Amino acid sequence: MEQTEGEVRKVLAEVLSELGVDPDSVADSATLGSDLELDSTDAVEIGLELKRHFSVAVKVQVKGGETLGDLVKLVMGEIRQAGG
């Protein structure tokens, strides 16, 4: 079954909510580190949840200005590469 960007966003929103991120802050332009205030532990948790849901491994970067939109594109690229 092919995964969509909407499904990736939904999973990310759920994970971010569990990590205490305000749902109003969740936007493609939000940086993971400065805007959403995530740390390296959060990044590992997000990566594990993405692997569990989509069977892809991605390295989530909270430093360097990676945005939520960047992460969605990265996950979608990995899903396509894996043939899903």
PDB file of N, CA and C in Angstrom:
ATOM      1  N   MET A   1       0.841  -1.177   0.000  1.00  0.00           N
ATOM      2  CA  MET A   1       0.000   0.000   0.000  1.00  0.00           C
ATOM      3  C   MET A   1       0.891   1.247   0.000  1.00  0.00           C
ATOM      4  N   GLU A   2       0.621   2.166  -0.874  1.00  0.00           N
ATOM      5  CA  GLU A   2       1.431   3.368  -0.980  1.00  0.00           C
ATOM      6  C   GLU A   2       1.082   4.355   0.128  1.00  0.00           C
ATOM      7  N   GLN A   3       2.118   4.861   0.766  1.00  0.00           N
ATOM      8  CA  GLN A   3       1.935   5.843   1.831  1.00  0.00           C
ATOM      9  C   GLN A   3       1.854   7.240   1.212  1.00  0.00           C
ATOM     10  N   THR A   4       1.116   8.118   1.875  1.00  0.00           N
ATOM     11  CA  THR A   4       0.984   9.488   1.380  1.00  0.00           C
ATOM     12  C   THR A   4       1.627  10.468   2.355  1.00  0.00           C
ATOM     13  N   GLU A   5       1.890  11.674   1.857  1.00  0.00           N
ATOM     14  CA  GLU A   5       2.434  12.719   2.729  1.00  0.00           C
ATOM     15  C   GLU A   5       1.477  13.012   3.880  1.00  0.00           C
ATOM     16  N   GLY A   6       0.193  12.926   3.609  1.00  0.00           N
ATOM     17  CA  GLY A   6      -0.795  13.162   4.661  1.00  0.00           C
ATOM     18  C   GLY A   6      -0.673  12.161   5.790  1.00  0.00           C
ATOM     19  N   GLU A   7      -0.421  10.894   5.448  1.00  0.00           N
ATOM     20  CA  GLU A   7      -0.248   9.872   6.479  1.00  0.00           C
ATOM     21  C   GLU A   7       1.017  10.119   7.289  1.00  0.00           C
ATOM     22  N   VAL A   8       2.081  10.525   6.604  1.00  0.00           N
ATOM     23  CA  VAL A   8       3.337  10.832   7.293  1.00  0.00           C
ATOM     24  C   VAL A   8       3.118  12.004   8.243  1.00  0.00           C
ATOM     25  N   ARG A   9       2.441  13.041   7.768  1.00  0.00           N
ATOM     26  CA  ARG A   9       2.159  14.212   8.618  1.00  0.00           C
ATOM     27  C   ARG A   9       1.308  13.833   9.830  1.00  0.00           C
ATOM     28  N   LYS A  10       0.332  12.956   9.613  1.00  0.00           N
ATOM     29  CA  LYS A  10      -0.544  12.526  10.710  1.00  0.00           C
ATOM     30  C   LYS A  10       0.264  11.802  11.791  1.00  0.00           C
ATOM     31  N   VAL A  11       1.120  10.886  11.376  1.00  0.00           N
ATOM     32  CA  VAL A  11       1.953  10.151  12.337  1.00  0.00           C
ATOM     33  C   VAL A  11       2.882  11.118  13.066  1.00  0.00           C
ATOM     34  N   LEU A  12       3.503  12.030  12.317  1.00  0.00           N
ATOM     35  CA  LEU A  12       4.396  13.000  12.956  1.00  0.00           C
ATOM     36  C   LEU A  12       3.637  13.873  13.954  1.00  0.00           C
ATOM     37  N   ALA A  13       2.445  14.300  13.597  1.00  0.00           N
ATOM     38  CA  ALA A  13       1.644  15.124  14.510  1.00  0.00           C
ATOM     39  C   ALA A  13       1.331  14.358  15.789  1.00  0.00           C
ATOM     40  N   GLU A  14       1.009  13.066  15.664  1.00  0.00           N
ATOM     41  CA  GLU A  14       0.716  12.243  16.842  1.00  0.00           C
ATOM     42  C   GLU A  14       1.949  12.103  17.723  1.00  0.00           C
ATOM     43  N   VAL A  15       3.092  11.811  17.107  1.00  0.00           N
ATOM     44  CA  VAL A  15       4.335  11.649  17.865  1.00  0.00           C
ATOM     45  C   VAL A  15       4.719  12.962  18.546  1.00  0.00           C
ATOM     46  N   LEU A  16       4.621  14.065  17.812  1.00  0.00           N
ATOM     47  CA  LEU A  16       4.966  15.360  18.386  1.00  0.00           C
ATOM     48  C   LEU A  16       4.043  15.713  19.550  1.00  0.00           C
ATOM     49  N   SER A  17       2.783  15.365  19.427  1.00  0.00           N
ATOM     50  CA  SER A  17       1.838  15.607  20.510  1.00  0.00           C
ATOM     51  C   SER A  17       2.241  14.825  21.753  1.00  0.00           C
ATOM     52  N   GLU A  18       2.636  13.563  21.559  1.00  0.00           N
ATOM     53  CA  GLU A  18       3.087  12.727  22.679  1.00  0.00           C
ATOM     54  C   GLU A  18       4.344  13.304  23.325  1.00  0.00           C
ATOM     55  N   LEU A  19       5.145  14.024  22.538  1.00  0.00           N
ATOM     56  CA  LEU A  19       6.365  14.639  23.057  1.00  0.00           C
ATOM     57  C   LEU A  19       6.102  16.007  23.682  1.00  0.00           C
ATOM     58  N   GLY A  20       4.836  16.423  23.698  1.00  0.00           N
ATOM     59  CA  GLY A  20       4.470  17.667  24.348  1.00  0.00           C
ATOM     60  C   GLY A  20       4.504  18.908  23.472  1.00  0.00           C
ATOM     61  N   VAL A  21       4.582  18.706  22.154  1.00  0.00           N
ATOM     62  CA  VAL A  21       4.592  19.848  21.237  1.00  0.00           C
ATOM     63  C   VAL A  21       3.168  20.348  21.043  1.00  0.00           C
ATOM     64  N   ASP A  22       2.986  21.652  21.149  1.00  0.00           N
ATOM     65  CA  ASP A  22       1.690  22.285  20.942  1.00  0.00           C
ATOM     66  C   ASP A  22       1.236  22.043  19.499  1.00  0.00           C
ATOM     67  N   PRO A  23       0.051  21.464  19.303  1.00  0.00           N
ATOM     68  CA  PRO A  23      -0.424  21.186  17.945  1.00  0.00           C
ATOM     69  C   PRO A  23      -0.482  22.420  17.051  1.00  0.00           C
ATOM     70  N   ASP A  24      -0.665  23.607  17.640  1.00  0.00           N
ATOM     71  CA  ASP A  24      -0.691  24.841  16.856  1.00  0.00           C
ATOM     72  C   ASP A  24       0.688  25.189  16.292  1.00  0.00           C
ATOM     73  N   SER A  25       1.737  24.582  16.847  1.00  0.00           N
ATOM     74  CA  SER A  25       3.103  24.839  16.390  1.00  0.00           C
ATOM     75  C   SER A  25       3.508  23.950  15.222  1.00  0.00           C
ATOM     76  N   VAL A  26       2.708  22.918  14.969  1.00  0.00           N
ATOM     77  CA  VAL A  26       3.063  21.936  13.946  1.00  0.00           C
ATOM     78  C   VAL A  26       2.713  22.479  12.564  1.00  0.00           C
ATOM     79  N   ALA A  27       3.773  22.857  11.826  1.00  0.00           N
ATOM     80  CA  ALA A  27       3.632  23.371  10.464  1.00  0.00           C
ATOM     81  C   ALA A  27       4.872  22.964   9.689  1.00  0.00           C
ATOM     82  N   ASP A  28       4.732  22.843   8.378  1.00  0.00           N
ATOM     83  CA  ASP A  28       5.865  22.437   7.546  1.00  0.00           C
ATOM     84  C   ASP A  28       7.081  23.340   7.727  1.00  0.00           C
ATOM     85  N   SER A  29       6.844  24.611   8.012  1.00  0.00           N
ATOM     86  CA  SER A  29       7.953  25.563   8.121  1.00  0.00           C
ATOM     87  C   SER A  29       8.608  25.574   9.509  1.00  0.00           C
ATOM     88  N   ALA A  30       8.038  24.841  10.463  1.00  0.00           N
ATOM     89  CA  ALA A  30       8.572  24.828  11.827  1.00  0.00           C
ATOM     90  C   ALA A  30       9.876  24.036  11.881  1.00  0.00           C
ATOM     91  N   THR A  31      10.914  24.668  12.429  1.00  0.00           N
ATOM     92  CA  THR A  31      12.177  23.951  12.598  1.00  0.00           C
ATOM     93  C   THR A  31      12.055  23.023  13.801  1.00  0.00           C
ATOM     94  N   LEU A  32      12.657  21.845  13.667  1.00  0.00           N
ATOM     95  CA  LEU A  32      12.525  20.835  14.712  1.00  0.00           C
ATOM     96  C   LEU A  32      13.183  21.273  16.016  1.00  0.00           C
ATOM     97  N   GLY A  33      14.346  21.898  15.908  1.00  0.00           N
ATOM     98  CA  GLY A  33      15.073  22.296  17.105  1.00  0.00           C
ATOM     99  C   GLY A  33      14.564  23.580  17.718  1.00  0.00           C
ATOM    100  N   SER A  34      14.662  24.686  16.969  1.00  0.00           N
ATOM    101  CA  SER A  34      14.323  25.973  17.582  1.00  0.00           C
ATOM    102  C   SER A  34      12.835  26.224  17.715  1.00  0.00           C
ATOM    103  N   ASP A  35      12.039  25.942  16.703  1.00  0.00           N
ATOM    104  CA  ASP A  35      10.598  26.223  16.787  1.00  0.00           C
ATOM    105  C   ASP A  35       9.852  25.205  17.659  1.00  0.00           C
ATOM    106  N   LEU A  36      10.135  23.925  17.442  1.00  0.00           N
ATOM    107  CA  LEU A  36       9.411  22.883  18.174  1.00  0.00           C
ATOM    108  C   LEU A  36      10.123  22.470  19.460  1.00  0.00           C
ATOM    109  N   GLU A  37      11.341  22.994  19.655  1.00  0.00           N
ATOM    110  CA  GLU A  37      12.120  22.757  20.869  1.00  0.00           C
ATOM    111  C   GLU A  37      12.364  21.279  21.151  1.00  0.00           C
ATOM    112  N   LEU A  38      12.688  20.536  20.097  1.00  0.00           N
ATOM    113  CA  LEU A  38      13.001  19.119  20.246  1.00  0.00           C
ATOM    114  C   LEU A  38      14.493  18.950  20.501  1.00  0.00           C
ATOM    115  N   ASP A  39      14.843  17.883  21.209  1.00  0.00           N
ATOM    116  CA  ASP A  39      16.250  17.591  21.450  1.00  0.00           C
ATOM    117  C   ASP A  39      16.605  16.248  20.823  1.00  0.00           C
ATOM    118  N   SER A  40      17.838  15.810  21.030  1.00  0.00           N
ATOM    119  CA  SER A  40      18.306  14.580  20.381  1.00  0.00           C
ATOM    120  C   SER A  40      17.535  13.351  20.851  1.00  0.00           C
ATOM    121  N   THR A  41      17.099  13.340  22.085  1.00  0.00           N
ATOM    122  CA  THR A  41      16.287  12.218  22.580  1.00  0.00           C
ATOM    123  C   THR A  41      14.955  12.165  21.837  1.00  0.00           C
ATOM    124  N   ASP A  42      14.352  13.336  21.636  1.00  0.00           N
ATOM    125  CA  ASP A  42      13.102  13.414  20.874  1.00  0.00           C
ATOM    126  C   ASP A  42      13.328  12.934  19.439  1.00  0.00           C
ATOM    127  N   ALA A  43      14.467  13.304  18.862  1.00  0.00           N
ATOM    128  CA  ALA A  43      14.774  12.905  17.488  1.00  0.00           C
ATOM    129  C   ALA A  43      14.844  11.388  17.357  1.00  0.00           C
ATOM    130  N   VAL A  44      15.442  10.742  18.343  1.00  0.00           N
ATOM    131  CA  VAL A  44      15.519   9.274  18.335  1.00  0.00           C
ATOM    132  C   VAL A  44      14.114   8.684  18.417  1.00  0.00           C
ATOM    133  N   GLU A  45      13.284   9.226  19.292  1.00  0.00           N
ATOM    134  CA  GLU A  45      11.907   8.744  19.448  1.00  0.00           C
ATOM    135  C   GLU A  45      11.119   8.900  18.146  1.00  0.00           C
ATOM    136  N   ILE A  46      11.268  10.048  17.504  1.00  0.00           N
ATOM    137  CA  ILE A  46      10.580  10.279  16.234  1.00  0.00           C
ATOM    138  C   ILE A  46      11.059   9.261  15.193  1.00  0.00           C
ATOM    139  N   GLY A  47      12.366   9.059  15.121  1.00  0.00           N
ATOM    140  CA  GLY A  47      12.922   8.096  14.179  1.00  0.00           C
ATOM    141  C   GLY A  47      12.393   6.693  14.406  1.00  0.00           C
ATOM    142  N   LEU A  48      12.290   6.289  15.664  1.00  0.00           N
ATOM    143  CA  LEU A  48      11.768   4.950  15.989  1.00  0.00           C
ATOM    144  C   LEU A  48      10.304   4.808  15.584  1.00  0.00           C
ATOM    145  N   GLU A  49       9.525   5.846  15.842  1.00  0.00           N
ATOM    146  CA  GLU A  49       8.109   5.798  15.464  1.00  0.00           C
ATOM    147  C   GLU A  49       7.927   5.767  13.952  1.00  0.00           C
ATOM    148  N   LEU A  50       8.740   6.518  13.230  1.00  0.00           N
ATOM    149  CA  LEU A  50       8.665   6.490  11.766  1.00  0.00           C
ATOM    150  C   LEU A  50       9.030   5.106  11.239  1.00  0.00           C
ATOM    151  N   LYS A  51      10.034   4.499  11.840  1.00  0.00           N
ATOM    152  CA  LYS A  51      10.430   3.141  11.427  1.00  0.00           C
ATOM    153  C   LYS A  51       9.298   2.156  11.714  1.00  0.00           C
ATOM    154  N   ARG A  52       8.669   2.296  12.877  1.00  0.00           N
ATOM    155  CA  ARG A  52       7.579   1.386  13.255  1.00  0.00           C
ATOM    156  C   ARG A  52       6.387   1.525  12.300  1.00  0.00           C
ATOM    157  N   HIS A  53       6.049   2.754  11.952  1.00  0.00           N
ATOM    158  CA  HIS A  53       4.869   2.990  11.110  1.00  0.00           C
ATOM    159  C   HIS A  53       5.120   2.742   9.626  1.00  0.00           C
ATOM    160  N   PHE A  54       6.302   3.102   9.150  1.00  0.00           N
ATOM    161  CA  PHE A  54       6.543   3.091   7.713  1.00  0.00           C
ATOM    162  C   PHE A  54       7.668   2.158   7.265  1.00  0.00           C
ATOM    163  N   SER A  55       8.310   1.480   8.215  1.00  0.00           N
ATOM    164  CA  SER A  55       9.396   0.537   7.908  1.00  0.00           C
ATOM    165  C   SER A  55      10.545   1.179   7.146  1.00  0.00           C
ATOM    166  N   VAL A  56      10.849   2.431   7.477  1.00  0.00           N
ATOM    167  CA  VAL A  56      11.997   3.120   6.890  1.00  0.00           C
ATOM    168  C   VAL A  56      12.821   3.738   8.016  1.00  0.00           C
ATOM    169  N   ALA A  57      14.124   3.803   7.783  1.00  0.00           N
ATOM    170  CA  ALA A  57      15.012   4.412   8.765  1.00  0.00           C
ATOM    171  C   ALA A  57      15.425   5.793   8.265  1.00  0.00           C
ATOM    172  N   VAL A  58      15.163   6.799   9.075  1.00  0.00           N
ATOM    173  CA  VAL A  58      15.580   8.154   8.733  1.00  0.00           C
ATOM    174  C   VAL A  58      16.308   8.747   9.934  1.00  0.00           C
ATOM    175  N   LYS A  59      17.296   9.577   9.636  1.00  0.00           N
ATOM    176  CA  LYS A  59      18.012  10.268  10.698  1.00  0.00           C
ATOM    177  C   LYS A  59      17.356  11.631  10.884  1.00  0.00           C
ATOM    178  N   VAL A  60      16.741  11.813  12.022  1.00  0.00           N
ATOM    179  CA  VAL A  60      16.040  13.051  12.324  1.00  0.00           C
ATOM    180  C   VAL A  60      17.050  14.036  12.918  1.00  0.00           C
ATOM    181  N   GLN A  61      17.165  15.205  12.302  1.00  0.00           N
ATOM    182  CA  GLN A  61      18.107  16.238  12.727  1.00  0.00           C
ATOM    183  C   GLN A  61      17.376  17.365  13.457  1.00  0.00           C
ATOM    184  N   VAL A  62      17.748  17.607  14.704  1.00  0.00           N
ATOM    185  CA  VAL A  62      17.123  18.710  15.437  1.00  0.00           C
ATOM    186  C   VAL A  62      17.997  19.954  15.435  1.00  0.00           C
ATOM    187  N   LYS A  63      19.236  19.812  14.995  1.00  0.00           N
ATOM    188  CA  LYS A  63      20.140  20.966  14.874  1.00  0.00           C
ATOM    189  C   LYS A  63      20.355  21.233  13.396  1.00  0.00           C
ATOM    190  N   GLY A  64      20.564  22.486  13.049  1.00  0.00           N
ATOM    191  CA  GLY A  64      20.857  22.804  11.663  1.00  0.00           C
ATOM    192  C   GLY A  64      19.678  23.318  10.861  1.00  0.00           C
ATOM    193  N   GLY A  65      18.552  23.518  11.497  1.00  0.00           N
ATOM    194  CA  GLY A  65      17.440  24.149  10.814  1.00  0.00           C
ATOM    195  C   GLY A  65      16.529  23.242  10.006  1.00  0.00           C
ATOM    196  N   GLU A  66      16.602  21.929  10.194  1.00  0.00           N
ATOM    197  CA  GLU A  66      15.687  21.038   9.481  1.00  0.00           C
ATOM    198  C   GLU A  66      14.252  21.344   9.914  1.00  0.00           C
ATOM    199  N   THR A  67      13.372  21.461   8.926  1.00  0.00           N
ATOM    200  CA  THR A  67      11.967  21.760   9.219  1.00  0.00           C
ATOM    201  C   THR A  67      11.138  20.487   9.188  1.00  0.00           C
ATOM    202  N   LEU A  68       9.923  20.611   9.675  1.00  0.00           N
ATOM    203  CA  LEU A  68       8.998  19.487   9.637  1.00  0.00           C
ATOM    204  C   LEU A  68       8.724  19.087   8.186  1.00  0.00           C
ATOM    205  N   GLY A  69       8.609  20.068   7.307  1.00  0.00           N
ATOM    206  CA  GLY A  69       8.417  19.791   5.880  1.00  0.00           C
ATOM    207  C   GLY A  69       9.587  19.019   5.293  1.00  0.00           C
ATOM    208  N   ASP A  70      10.826  19.380   5.705  1.00  0.00           N
ATOM    209  CA  ASP A  70      12.008  18.646   5.258  1.00  0.00           C
ATOM    210  C   ASP A  70      11.925  17.183   5.690  1.00  0.00           C
ATOM    211  N   LEU A  71      11.481  16.973   6.926  1.00  0.00           N
ATOM    212  CA  LEU A  71      11.383  15.609   7.448  1.00  0.00           C
ATOM    213  C   LEU A  71      10.343  14.805   6.680  1.00  0.00           C
ATOM    214  N   VAL A  72       9.215  15.427   6.372  1.00  0.00           N
ATOM    215  CA  VAL A  72       8.179  14.732   5.591  1.00  0.00           C
ATOM    216  C   VAL A  72       8.744  14.311   4.236  1.00  0.00           C
ATOM    217  N   LYS A  73       9.462  15.224   3.565  1.00  0.00           N
ATOM    218  CA  LYS A  73      10.066  14.902   2.257  1.00  0.00           C
ATOM    219  C   LYS A  73      11.083  13.777   2.383  1.00  0.00           C
ATOM    220  N   LEU A  74      11.879  13.808   3.443  1.00  0.00           N
ATOM    221  CA  LEU A  74      12.874  12.765   3.673  1.00  0.00           C
ATOM    222  C   LEU A  74      12.209  11.403   3.852  1.00  0.00           C
ATOM    223  N   VAL A  75      11.164  11.361   4.669  1.00  0.00           N
ATOM    224  CA  VAL A  75      10.440  10.101   4.912  1.00  0.00           C
ATOM    225  C   VAL A  75       9.814   9.604   3.609  1.00  0.00           C
ATOM    226  N   MET A  76       9.177  10.513   2.862  1.00  0.00           N
ATOM    227  CA  MET A  76       8.550  10.101   1.601  1.00  0.00           C
ATOM    228  C   MET A  76       9.597   9.556   0.621  1.00  0.00           C
ATOM    229  N   GLY A  77      10.774  10.178   0.572  1.00  0.00           N
ATOM    230  CA  GLY A  77      11.843   9.688  -0.285  1.00  0.00           C
ATOM    231  C   GLY A  77      12.273   8.287   0.095  1.00  0.00           C
ATOM    232  N   GLU A  78      12.390   8.041   1.387  1.00  0.00           N
ATOM    233  CA  GLU A  78      12.779   6.703   1.879  1.00  0.00           C
ATOM    234  C   GLU A  78      11.687   5.675   1.580  1.00  0.00           C
ATOM    235  N   ILE A  79      10.429   6.079   1.726  1.00  0.00           N
ATOM    236  CA  ILE A  79       9.315   5.165   1.428  1.00  0.00           C
ATOM    237  C   ILE A  79       9.339   4.793  -0.060  1.00  0.00           C
ATOM    238  N   ARG A  80       9.518   5.796  -0.916  1.00  0.00           N
ATOM    239  CA  ARG A  80       9.566   5.526  -2.363  1.00  0.00           C
ATOM    240  C   ARG A  80      10.743   4.630  -2.714  1.00  0.00           C
ATOM    241  N   GLN A  81      11.900   4.911  -2.102  1.00  0.00           N
ATOM    242  CA  GLN A  81      13.095   4.113  -2.372  1.00  0.00           C
ATOM    243  C   GLN A  81      12.902   2.653  -1.928  1.00  0.00           C
ATOM    244  N   ALA A  82      12.132   2.478  -0.840  1.00  0.00           N
ATOM    245  CA  ALA A  82      11.871   1.130  -0.346  1.00  0.00           C
ATOM    246  C   ALA A  82      10.776   0.432  -1.146  1.00  0.00           C
ATOM    247  N   GLY A  83      10.163   1.169  -2.075  1.00  0.00           N
ATOM    248  CA  GLY A  83       9.145   0.563  -2.926  1.00  0.00           C
ATOM    249  C   GLY A  83       7.741   0.624  -2.357  1.00  0.00           C
ATOM    250  N   GLY A  84       7.505   1.499  -1.368  1.00  0.00           N
ATOM    251  CA  GLY A  84       6.196   1.577  -0.738  1.00  0.00           C
ATOM    252  C   GLY A  84       5.445   2.745  -1.214  1.00  0.00           C
TER     253      GLY A  84
END
